[in-house]
């Protein structure tokens, strides 16, 4: 019997509430984005803390982290200038691939000896290039 009046009253209340509800919709999206960013940042912080703990543990144990790649950031590949990296930092049984600032292979350190690709041909044939250095 009073259904029509009830529906009209609910529609009126809904129209009155629209100015309150409409500005909330973009705020909900921004809130969700903020929560996602906080979660991502927290994950990054935990990763950094874990790396720091690992680094401290390696330092206390006296273990040197091993790497099979060396990048010379202030050198660009040129046949005129040999970069001559310091080979005393590596053991005789280590094989280290050496790259320039652009990420191209320029040689290899084998058995404590620097082998430059412009002198020893074929050194870099099997080596895959790495990402170049990004300058800010």
C-alpha atoms as a PDB file:
ATOM      1  CA  UNK A   1       0.000   0.000   0.000  1.00  0.00           C
ATOM      2  CA  UNK A   2       2.726   2.479   0.902  1.00  0.00           C
ATOM      3  CA  UNK A   3       5.389   0.869  -1.283  1.00  0.00           C
ATOM      4  CA  UNK A   4       5.481   3.715  -3.756  1.00  0.00           C
ATOM      5  CA  UNK A   5       6.019   6.319  -1.020  1.00  0.00           C
ATOM      6  CA  UNK A   6       8.696   4.123   0.590  1.00  0.00           C
ATOM      7  CA  UNK A   7      10.626   3.787  -2.680  1.00  0.00           C
ATOM      8  CA  UNK A   8      10.367   7.524  -3.310  1.00  0.00           C
ATOM      9  CA  UNK A   9      11.672   8.226   0.207  1.00  0.00           C
ATOM     10  CA  UNK A  10      14.623   5.852  -0.297  1.00  0.00           C
ATOM     11  CA  UNK A  11      15.398   7.475  -3.662  1.00  0.00           C
ATOM     12  CA  UNK A  12      15.329  10.895  -1.992  1.00  0.00           C
ATOM     13  CA  UNK A  13      17.688   9.754   0.767  1.00  0.00           C
ATOM     14  CA  UNK A  14      19.974   8.240  -1.901  1.00  0.00           C
ATOM     15  CA  UNK A  15      20.034  11.511  -3.832  1.00  0.00           C
ATOM     16  CA  UNK A  16      20.813  13.399  -0.617  1.00  0.00           C
ATOM     17  CA  UNK A  17      23.695  11.001   0.124  1.00  0.00           C
ATOM     18  CA  UNK A  18      25.284  11.295  -3.372  1.00  0.00           C
ATOM     19  CA  UNK A  19      27.384  14.390  -2.532  1.00  0.00           C
ATOM     20  CA  UNK A  20      28.900  12.432   0.355  1.00  0.00           C
ATOM     21  CA  UNK A  21      29.488   9.178  -1.570  1.00  0.00           C
ATOM     22  CA  UNK A  22      30.863  10.545  -4.878  1.00  0.00           C
ATOM     23  CA  UNK A  23      34.051  12.118  -3.397  1.00  0.00           C
ATOM     24  CA  UNK A  24      34.784   8.867  -1.521  1.00  0.00           C
ATOM     25  CA  UNK A  25      35.189   6.776  -4.687  1.00  0.00           C
ATOM     26  CA  UNK A  26      38.513   8.331  -5.830  1.00  0.00           C
ATOM     27  CA  UNK A  27      39.753   8.343  -2.237  1.00  0.00           C
ATOM     28  CA  UNK A  28      39.201   4.582  -2.018  1.00  0.00           C
ATOM     29  CA  UNK A  29      41.359   4.042  -5.112  1.00  0.00           C
ATOM     30  CA  UNK A  30      44.077   6.303  -3.704  1.00  0.00           C
ATOM     31  CA  UNK A  31      43.927   4.471  -0.372  1.00  0.00           C
ATOM     32  CA  UNK A  32      44.323   1.101  -2.087  1.00  0.00           C
ATOM     33  CA  UNK A  33      47.311   2.437  -4.070  1.00  0.00           C
ATOM     34  CA  UNK A  34      48.886   3.802  -0.884  1.00  0.00           C
ATOM     35  CA  UNK A  35      48.506   0.445   0.862  1.00  0.00           C
ATOM     36  CA  UNK A  36      50.097  -1.340  -2.108  1.00  0.00           C
ATOM     37  CA  UNK A  37      53.045   1.079  -2.073  1.00  0.00           C
ATOM     38  CA  UNK A  38      53.512   0.591   1.677  1.00  0.00           C
ATOM     39  CA  UNK A  39      53.553  -3.179   1.248  1.00  0.00           C
ATOM     40  CA  UNK A  40      56.097  -2.941  -1.583  1.00  0.00           C
ATOM     41  CA  UNK A  41      58.286  -0.594   0.445  1.00  0.00           C
ATOM     42  CA  UNK A  42      58.144  -2.900   3.462  1.00  0.00           C
ATOM     43  CA  UNK A  43      59.199  -5.836   1.278  1.00  0.00           C
ATOM     44  CA  UNK A  44      62.156  -3.832  -0.082  1.00  0.00           C
ATOM     45  CA  UNK A  45      63.209  -2.852   3.432  1.00  0.00           C
ATOM     46  CA  UNK A  46      63.107  -6.460   4.598  1.00  0.00           C
ATOM     47  CA  UNK A  47      65.237  -7.509   1.599  1.00  0.00           C
ATOM     48  CA  UNK A  48      67.788  -4.793   2.394  1.00  0.00           C
ATOM     49  CA  UNK A  49      67.910  -5.889   6.031  1.00  0.00           C
ATOM     50  CA  UNK A  50      68.457  -9.518   4.993  1.00  0.00           C
ATOM     51  CA  UNK A  51      71.276  -8.504   2.646  1.00  0.00           C
ATOM     52  CA  UNK A  52      72.890  -6.480   5.430  1.00  0.00           C
ATOM     53  CA  UNK A  53      72.691  -9.453   7.808  1.00  0.00           C
ATOM     54  CA  UNK A  54      74.209 -11.752   5.178  1.00  0.00           C
ATOM     55  CA  UNK A  55      76.979  -9.273   4.448  1.00  0.00           C
ATOM     56  CA  UNK A  56      77.772  -8.883   8.150  1.00  0.00           C
ATOM     57  CA  UNK A  57      77.835 -12.651   8.630  1.00  0.00           C
ATOM     58  CA  UNK A  58      80.209 -13.089   5.663  1.00  0.00           C
ATOM     59  CA  UNK A  59      82.449 -10.311   6.985  1.00  0.00           C
ATOM     60  CA  UNK A  60      82.594 -11.825  10.484  1.00  0.00           C
ATOM     61  CA  UNK A  61      83.333 -15.272   9.055  1.00  0.00           C
ATOM     62  CA  UNK A  62      86.105 -13.850   6.872  1.00  0.00           C
ATOM     63  CA  UNK A  63      84.567 -15.173   3.678  1.00  0.00           C
ATOM     64  CA  UNK A  64      84.958 -13.117   0.513  1.00  0.00           C
ATOM     65  CA  UNK A  65      81.876 -13.078  -1.716  1.00  0.00           C
ATOM     66  CA  UNK A  66      82.697 -14.535  -5.104  1.00  0.00           C
ATOM     67  CA  UNK A  67      81.750 -12.996  -8.393  1.00  0.00           C
ATOM     68  CA  UNK A  68      82.431 -14.231 -11.871  1.00  0.00           C
ATOM     69  CA  UNK A  69      82.010 -10.790 -13.470  1.00  0.00           C
ATOM     70  CA  UNK A  70      83.992  -7.563 -13.216  1.00  0.00           C
ATOM     71  CA  UNK A  71      82.777  -4.265 -14.654  1.00  0.00           C
ATOM     72  CA  UNK A  72      85.158  -1.377 -15.289  1.00  0.00           C
ATOM     73  CA  UNK A  73      82.818   1.607 -15.137  1.00  0.00           C
ATOM     74  CA  UNK A  74      85.268   4.282 -16.267  1.00  0.00           C
ATOM     75  CA  UNK A  75      86.404   2.435 -19.425  1.00  0.00           C
ATOM     76  CA  UNK A  76      84.842   2.110 -22.884  1.00  0.00           C
ATOM     77  CA  UNK A  77      86.099  -0.604 -25.223  1.00  0.00           C
ATOM     78  CA  UNK A  78      88.961   0.658 -27.375  1.00  0.00           C
ATOM     79  CA  UNK A  79      91.767  -1.195 -29.125  1.00  0.00           C
ATOM     80  CA  UNK A  80      94.107   1.719 -28.351  1.00  0.00           C
ATOM     81  CA  UNK A  81      93.870   1.589 -24.540  1.00  0.00           C
ATOM     82  CA  UNK A  82      94.262  -1.579 -22.469  1.00  0.00           C
ATOM     83  CA  UNK A  83      92.418  -1.204 -19.122  1.00  0.00           C
ATOM     84  CA  UNK A  84      94.736  -3.662 -17.264  1.00  0.00           C
ATOM     85  CA  UNK A  85      92.521  -4.598 -14.280  1.00  0.00           C
ATOM     86  CA  UNK A  86      94.135  -5.649 -11.000  1.00  0.00           C
ATOM     87  CA  UNK A  87      94.445  -9.428 -11.142  1.00  0.00           C
ATOM     88  CA  UNK A  88      95.886  -9.883  -7.642  1.00  0.00           C
ATOM     89  CA  UNK A  89      92.388  -9.839  -6.128  1.00  0.00           C
ATOM     90  CA  UNK A  90      91.491 -13.208  -7.672  1.00  0.00           C
ATOM     91  CA  UNK A  91      92.647 -16.760  -7.011  1.00  0.00           C
ATOM     92  CA  UNK A  92      94.515 -18.748  -9.653  1.00  0.00           C
ATOM     93  CA  UNK A  93      91.601 -21.143 -10.165  1.00  0.00           C
ATOM     94  CA  UNK A  94      89.038 -18.351 -10.771  1.00  0.00           C
ATOM     95  CA  UNK A  95      87.845 -17.315 -14.213  1.00  0.00           C
ATOM     96  CA  UNK A  96      86.471 -13.764 -14.239  1.00  0.00           C
ATOM     97  CA  UNK A  97      84.763 -12.170 -17.263  1.00  0.00           C
ATOM     98  CA  UNK A  98      85.558  -8.452 -17.550  1.00  0.00           C
ATOM     99  CA  UNK A  99      83.130  -5.906 -19.039  1.00  0.00           C
ATOM    100  CA  UNK A 100      83.343  -2.209 -19.914  1.00  0.00           C
ATOM    101  CA  UNK A 101      80.854   0.510 -18.908  1.00  0.00           C
ATOM    102  CA  UNK A 102      78.522  -0.350 -21.794  1.00  0.00           C
ATOM    103  CA  UNK A 103      78.304  -3.994 -20.699  1.00  0.00           C
ATOM    104  CA  UNK A 104      80.376  -5.453 -23.549  1.00  0.00           C
ATOM    105  CA  UNK A 105      82.942  -8.132 -22.837  1.00  0.00           C
ATOM    106  CA  UNK A 106      86.511  -6.785 -23.032  1.00  0.00           C
ATOM    107  CA  UNK A 107      88.463  -9.735 -21.698  1.00  0.00           C
ATOM    108  CA  UNK A 108      88.960 -12.373 -19.044  1.00  0.00           C
ATOM    109  CA  UNK A 109      91.122 -13.016 -16.006  1.00  0.00           C
ATOM    110  CA  UNK A 110      92.278 -16.657 -16.019  1.00  0.00           C
ATOM    111  CA  UNK A 111      94.845 -18.142 -13.642  1.00  0.00           C
ATOM    112  CA  UNK A 112      95.664 -14.631 -12.404  1.00  0.00           C
ATOM    113  CA  UNK A 113      96.501 -13.438 -15.939  1.00  0.00           C
ATOM    114  CA  UNK A 114      94.653 -10.630 -17.762  1.00  0.00           C
ATOM    115  CA  UNK A 115      93.632 -11.664 -21.281  1.00  0.00           C
ATOM    116  CA  UNK A 116      92.431  -8.737 -23.375  1.00  0.00           C
ATOM    117  CA  UNK A 117      90.142  -9.411 -26.337  1.00  0.00           C
ATOM    118  CA  UNK A 118      92.199  -7.217 -28.689  1.00  0.00           C
ATOM    119  CA  UNK A 119      95.342  -9.294 -28.003  1.00  0.00           C
ATOM    120  CA  UNK A 120      93.876 -12.771 -27.423  1.00  0.00           C
ATOM    121  CA  UNK A 121      91.265 -13.344 -30.109  1.00  0.00           C
ATOM    122  CA  UNK A 122      88.230 -15.448 -29.238  1.00  0.00           C
ATOM    123  CA  UNK A 123      88.204 -14.633 -25.510  1.00  0.00           C
ATOM    124  CA  UNK A 124      84.709 -13.072 -25.559  1.00  0.00           C
ATOM    125  CA  UNK A 125      82.995 -15.333 -28.094  1.00  0.00           C
ATOM    126  CA  UNK A 126      81.118 -17.431 -25.519  1.00  0.00           C
ATOM    127  CA  UNK A 127      80.423 -14.576 -23.089  1.00  0.00           C
ATOM    128  CA  UNK A 128      77.016 -12.909 -23.028  1.00  0.00           C
ATOM    129  CA  UNK A 129      77.012  -9.111 -22.598  1.00  0.00           C
ATOM    130  CA  UNK A 130      75.503  -7.562 -19.478  1.00  0.00           C
ATOM    131  CA  UNK A 131      73.314  -4.504 -18.919  1.00  0.00           C
ATOM    132  CA  UNK A 132      75.045  -1.130 -19.364  1.00  0.00           C
ATOM    133  CA  UNK A 133      75.696   1.251 -16.477  1.00  0.00           C
ATOM    134  CA  UNK A 134      72.936   3.830 -15.989  1.00  0.00           C
ATOM    135  CA  UNK A 135      74.115   7.340 -15.249  1.00  0.00           C
ATOM    136  CA  UNK A 136      71.841   9.638 -13.240  1.00  0.00           C
END
